Amino acid sequence: HAKIEFVIGNYHMPCLFGSEAKVRVVNMHAAAIVEELHRIAEGKPCIMTGDFNFDPSTPPYRMITTGRLSRADPTCPRYFPDGVELPPMRSAYSERNGKEPEFTNNVFVEAGPFTEVL
């Protein structure tokens, strides 16, 4: 059997929902963790796990899975004057099942039921 080396990173993203400014902060975190994971991996395959606190319809998800976030996107951090360019990553769940799950959280919070993919 061939030995395959790979790197696993884990991260708990801040819970910042709603405003463009909050999503911009999440994008900064997402870009930093993807860049750092690939730097540490030094070309080896890598897996990113964690509690991302964003769903598949959001700019952070699109940025991670496409590797890009346009400077024109209002959630693009100003620290990226040319937009964000990252090595794209794939969702293991989506790769295996052809789509993301219907939900990963199903809880009752003060505002009522919360059923989302995060």
Foldseek 3Di string as FASTA:
>chain_A
DDDADEEEEEDEADQFDDDLQSLLVLLVVLLVVQVVRCVVGVPGHYYYYYHSNDACVDPSNCCQQVQWDAPPPSSHHVVCVGTGGGDHDDDPCCVVPVDDDQFDDWDADPVGTDTHHD
